[in-house]
Amino acid sequence: MSADEPRLLMVQSFVPKGDPTALVSPPTTGNVGIVYYDARFYNVSSAYSIQSNNMAKIEAKVSTILAKLKNDMTDAQKFRVLHDEFIKSVSYGGMSTGASATIEGAFIPNNYGYCAIVCQGYARGLQYLCQRAGIQVIYVTGTASYSEPPVDHAWNMVKIEGQWYNTDPTNDDPPTGASIPVRYDDFLQSDNDFLHDHTPGISTQGTAVSYPVFPQTVAESYPLADTEYPIAD
């Protein structure tokens, strides 16, 4: 459930278990804290208020991206718009904040006025956009081996025209100041092209961290040219 529903990360609350007299005020942004499944001491009111406020901010940002989709677009064209517009709206960073791995960090600007996120935030943000657009998507965790040693990482699998493809939005975001706004190094790729440096479902500690079985992709990556939407003259 936590892999399929990116909003769950927001439903958390600082409530010391077993001590209703020592409630801690949750922060106004980022992960609210640690969930304790004890209804007597679960600060539902505070968590609901924070989630409602943040979801309104998230939906305002998401709506501006969804508004760029056209009714006559294919799912591949829609996905490219979501992928590109999302990547252009965020930057890599924010490791010191709890929001950097969530859709809060992906869509709510920080105190410096921009959205700084890590790989989980990229994958969660793109996942939520796809869900809102009606495109089937999976949040994937595993490892990436761009260099040695491998690192824990997160990305997406996306279903386009009945077939599954891999996309790594973190790797498709060029470094700050790059001459291009978006890369397509890991965009709608087949397992043959993608899994040589990505390993889904296993962390660097060797433990399973997400879906036990992922769908297989088609043999060929999706042609990038077929994801372009023709602009009328």
Protein backbone atom coordinates (compact mmCIF):
# COMPACT_ATOMS: atom_id res chain seq x y z
CA MET A 1 0.00 0.00 0.00
CA SER A 2 2.79 2.44 0.83
CA ALA A 3 4.32 1.86 -2.61
CA ASP A 4 1.03 2.45 -4.43
CA GLU A 5 -0.20 5.49 -2.50
CA PRO A 6 2.27 8.42 -2.31
CA ARG A 7 -0.03 10.43 -0.04
CA LEU A 8 0.39 7.94 2.81
CA LEU A 9 3.77 9.41 3.70
CA MET A 10 1.98 12.55 4.81
CA VAL A 11 -0.40 10.88 7.28
CA GLN A 12 1.96 10.80 10.23
CA SER A 13 2.09 12.47 13.61
CA PHE A 14 4.49 13.16 16.47
CA VAL A 15 2.67 11.46 19.32
CA PRO A 16 4.81 9.80 22.01
CA LYS A 17 3.30 6.36 22.47
CA GLY A 18 1.59 5.84 25.78
CA ASP A 19 1.99 9.42 26.99
CA PRO A 20 -0.99 11.64 26.09
CA THR A 21 0.37 14.50 28.24
CA ALA A 22 3.51 14.94 26.15
CA LEU A 23 2.15 15.60 22.68
CA VAL A 24 4.63 17.28 20.35
CA SER A 25 3.46 19.87 17.82
CA PRO A 26 4.14 18.50 14.31
CA PRO A 27 6.06 20.65 11.79
CA THR A 28 4.06 22.53 9.18
CA THR A 29 5.84 20.87 6.24
CA GLY A 30 7.60 17.62 5.55
CA ASN A 31 6.94 14.28 7.18
CA VAL A 32 4.89 14.94 10.25
CA GLY A 33 6.68 12.26 12.22
CA ILE A 34 6.32 8.65 13.25
CA VAL A 35 3.02 6.79 13.25
CA TYR A 36 2.13 4.86 16.37
CA TYR A 37 -0.89 2.66 15.83
CA ASP A 38 -2.47 3.49 19.19
CA ALA A 39 -5.77 5.27 18.63
CA ARG A 40 -5.81 6.66 22.18
CA PHE A 41 -2.71 8.77 21.60
CA TYR A 42 -2.74 9.31 17.82
CA ASN A 43 -2.95 13.04 17.13
CA VAL A 44 -5.44 12.64 14.31
CA SER A 45 -6.63 16.24 14.40
CA SER A 46 -3.17 17.75 13.91
CA ALA A 47 -2.21 15.24 11.23
CA TYR A 48 -5.45 15.82 9.31
CA SER A 49 -5.05 19.59 9.46
CA ILE A 50 -1.48 19.45 8.15
CA GLN A 51 -2.34 16.95 5.43
CA SER A 52 -5.33 18.97 4.25
CA ASN A 53 -3.28 22.16 4.08
CA ASN A 54 -0.41 20.52 2.24
CA MET A 55 -2.67 18.63 -0.17
CA ALA A 56 -4.26 21.92 -1.21
CA LYS A 57 -0.80 23.28 -2.04
CA ILE A 58 0.14 20.09 -3.86
CA GLU A 59 -3.05 20.04 -5.93
CA ALA A 60 -2.53 23.66 -6.98
CA LYS A 61 0.90 22.76 -8.40
CA VAL A 62 -0.24 19.46 -9.89
CA SER A 63 -3.18 21.14 -11.62
CA THR A 64 -0.88 23.52 -13.50
CA ILE A 65 0.99 20.53 -14.95
CA LEU A 66 -2.12 18.50 -15.73
CA ALA A 67 -3.58 21.50 -17.56
CA LYS A 68 -0.86 21.07 -20.21
CA LEU A 69 -2.30 17.71 -21.30
CA LYS A 70 -4.50 17.61 -24.42
CA ASN A 71 -7.47 15.34 -25.02
CA ASP A 72 -6.03 14.00 -28.28
CA MET A 73 -2.67 13.03 -26.77
CA THR A 74 -1.65 9.40 -26.53
CA ASP A 75 -0.63 8.10 -23.12
CA ALA A 76 3.00 8.22 -24.24
CA GLN A 77 2.66 11.88 -25.18
CA LYS A 78 0.90 12.64 -21.90
CA PHE A 79 3.60 10.87 -19.95
CA ARG A 80 6.32 12.87 -21.66
CA VAL A 81 4.57 16.12 -20.72
CA LEU A 82 4.25 14.99 -17.11
CA HIS A 83 7.86 13.80 -17.03
CA ASP A 84 9.27 16.96 -18.60
CA GLU A 85 7.19 19.54 -16.74
CA PHE A 86 7.80 17.83 -13.41
CA ILE A 87 11.55 17.60 -13.89
CA LYS A 88 11.74 21.25 -14.93
CA SER A 89 9.94 22.24 -11.72
CA VAL A 90 12.26 20.50 -9.23
CA SER A 91 15.95 20.14 -8.42
CA TYR A 92 18.04 17.53 -6.66
CA GLY A 93 18.77 18.28 -3.01
CA GLY A 94 17.11 18.87 0.33
CA MET A 95 18.69 15.83 1.97
CA SER A 96 18.49 17.52 5.36
CA THR A 97 14.70 17.85 5.28
CA GLY A 98 12.11 15.15 5.78
CA ALA A 99 10.11 16.42 2.81
CA SER A 100 12.80 15.62 0.22
CA ALA A 101 11.54 12.05 -0.23
CA THR A 102 7.82 12.87 -0.45
CA ILE A 103 5.27 14.53 -2.71
CA GLU A 104 5.31 17.46 -0.28
CA GLY A 105 8.91 18.18 -1.22
CA ALA A 106 8.12 17.52 -4.87
CA PHE A 107 5.31 20.08 -5.14
CA ILE A 108 5.60 22.50 -2.21
CA PRO A 109 8.48 25.02 -2.50
CA ASN A 110 10.87 25.21 0.45
CA ASN A 111 11.93 28.37 2.28
CA TYR A 112 14.19 29.24 -0.65
CA GLY A 113 11.32 29.10 -3.13
CA TYR A 114 12.10 25.87 -4.97
CA CYS A 115 11.34 22.16 -4.69
CA ALA A 116 14.45 20.22 -3.67
CA ILE A 117 14.06 16.45 -3.57
CA VAL A 118 15.98 13.18 -3.67
CA CYS A 119 15.23 10.09 -5.75
CA GLN A 120 12.24 9.04 -3.67
CA GLY A 121 10.72 12.49 -4.14
CA TYR A 122 11.25 12.30 -7.90
CA ALA A 123 9.66 8.86 -8.12
CA ARG A 124 6.79 9.75 -5.77
CA GLY A 125 6.09 13.03 -7.54
CA LEU A 126 6.00 11.48 -11.01
CA GLN A 127 3.91 8.61 -9.64
CA TYR A 128 1.32 11.01 -8.27
CA LEU A 129 1.13 12.98 -11.53
CA CYS A 130 0.58 9.76 -13.47
CA GLN A 131 -2.12 8.63 -11.08
CA ARG A 132 -3.92 11.94 -11.46
CA ALA A 133 -3.67 11.63 -15.25
CA GLY A 134 -5.01 8.07 -15.29
CA ILE A 135 -1.72 6.43 -16.28
CA GLN A 136 -0.81 3.20 -14.50
CA VAL A 137 2.49 3.52 -12.64
CA ILE A 138 4.55 1.65 -10.05
CA TYR A 139 6.92 3.12 -7.47
CA VAL A 140 10.11 1.04 -7.54
CA THR A 141 12.90 0.88 -4.99
CA GLY A 142 16.16 -0.95 -5.44
CA THR A 143 19.75 -0.09 -6.24
CA ALA A 144 21.53 1.84 -8.99
CA SER A 145 25.10 1.14 -10.02
CA TYR A 146 26.09 4.19 -12.06
CA SER A 147 29.41 3.83 -10.25
CA GLU A 148 30.78 1.58 -7.53
CA PRO A 149 29.55 0.84 -4.97
CA PRO A 150 25.83 0.66 -5.84
CA VAL A 151 23.47 3.00 -3.99
CA ASP A 152 19.88 2.67 -2.82
CA HIS A 153 17.60 4.32 -5.36
CA ALA A 154 13.97 4.80 -6.45
CA TRP A 155 12.36 5.11 -9.88
CA ASN A 156 9.15 4.21 -11.75
CA MET A 157 7.62 1.65 -14.04
CA VAL A 158 4.93 3.03 -16.36
CA LYS A 159 2.31 1.22 -18.43
CA ILE A 160 1.95 2.67 -21.93
CA GLU A 161 -0.33 1.10 -24.54
CA GLY A 162 -0.61 -2.09 -22.50
CA GLN A 163 3.16 -2.52 -22.06
CA TRP A 164 5.46 -1.71 -19.15
CA TYR A 165 8.50 0.57 -19.36
CA ASN A 166 11.11 1.86 -16.90
CA THR A 167 11.76 5.56 -16.21
CA ASP A 168 14.24 7.10 -13.79
CA PRO A 169 13.19 10.76 -13.36
CA THR A 170 16.13 11.52 -11.04
CA ASN A 171 18.63 10.52 -13.70
CA ASP A 172 16.67 12.43 -16.35
CA ASP A 173 17.14 15.71 -14.42
CA PRO A 174 20.35 17.37 -15.65
CA PRO A 175 22.66 19.07 -13.14
CA THR A 176 21.83 22.67 -12.27
CA GLY A 177 23.08 24.97 -14.99
CA ALA A 178 23.08 22.33 -17.72
CA SER A 179 22.35 23.48 -21.27
CA ILE A 180 19.30 21.19 -21.55
CA PRO A 181 16.32 21.20 -19.13
CA VAL A 182 15.48 17.48 -19.41
CA ARG A 183 17.38 14.34 -20.36
CA TYR A 184 15.96 11.09 -21.73
CA ASP A 185 18.74 8.74 -20.63
CA ASP A 186 16.32 6.57 -18.64
CA PHE A 187 12.98 7.38 -20.27
CA LEU A 188 10.44 4.63 -21.15
CA GLN A 189 13.17 2.01 -21.40
CA SER A 190 12.92 -1.74 -21.75
CA ASP A 191 14.49 -4.01 -19.15
CA ASN A 192 17.19 -4.79 -21.73
CA ASP A 193 18.28 -1.14 -21.79
CA PHE A 194 17.54 -0.23 -18.18
CA LEU A 195 18.46 -3.06 -15.84
CA HIS A 196 22.17 -3.07 -16.62
CA ASP A 197 22.60 -0.38 -13.95
CA HIS A 198 19.34 -0.72 -11.97
CA THR A 199 18.34 -3.64 -9.73
CA PRO A 200 14.73 -3.48 -8.49
CA GLY A 201 13.50 -4.88 -5.20
CA ILE A 202 16.81 -5.26 -3.34
CA SER A 203 18.55 -2.69 -1.15
CA THR A 204 22.32 -2.32 -0.69
CA GLN A 205 21.85 -4.34 2.48
CA GLY A 206 20.50 -7.22 0.40
CA THR A 207 16.94 -7.05 1.70
CA ALA A 208 13.73 -6.81 -0.32
CA VAL A 209 12.40 -3.26 -0.13
CA SER A 210 9.43 -3.09 -2.49
CA TYR A 211 7.29 -5.26 -4.76
CA PRO A 212 8.44 -8.91 -4.65
CA VAL A 213 7.81 -9.29 -8.40
CA PHE A 214 7.82 -6.54 -11.01
CA PRO A 215 6.18 -6.78 -14.45
CA GLN A 216 8.43 -7.51 -17.40
CA THR A 217 8.80 -4.89 -20.08
CA VAL A 218 8.71 -5.32 -23.84
CA ALA A 219 12.00 -6.04 -25.59
CA GLU A 220 12.44 -2.56 -27.08
CA SER A 221 12.41 0.86 -25.44
CA TYR A 222 9.63 3.22 -26.52
CA PRO A 223 10.72 5.43 -29.45
CA LEU A 224 11.32 8.93 -28.11
CA ALA A 225 10.09 10.53 -31.33
CA ASP A 226 6.69 8.88 -30.84
CA THR A 227 6.26 10.67 -27.51
CA GLU A 228 6.38 14.13 -29.12
CA TYR A 229 3.12 16.01 -29.47
CA PRO A 230 2.86 17.91 -32.76
CA ILE A 231 2.35 21.61 -32.23
CA ALA A 232 0.09 23.28 -34.81
CA ASP A 233 1.63 26.13 -36.78
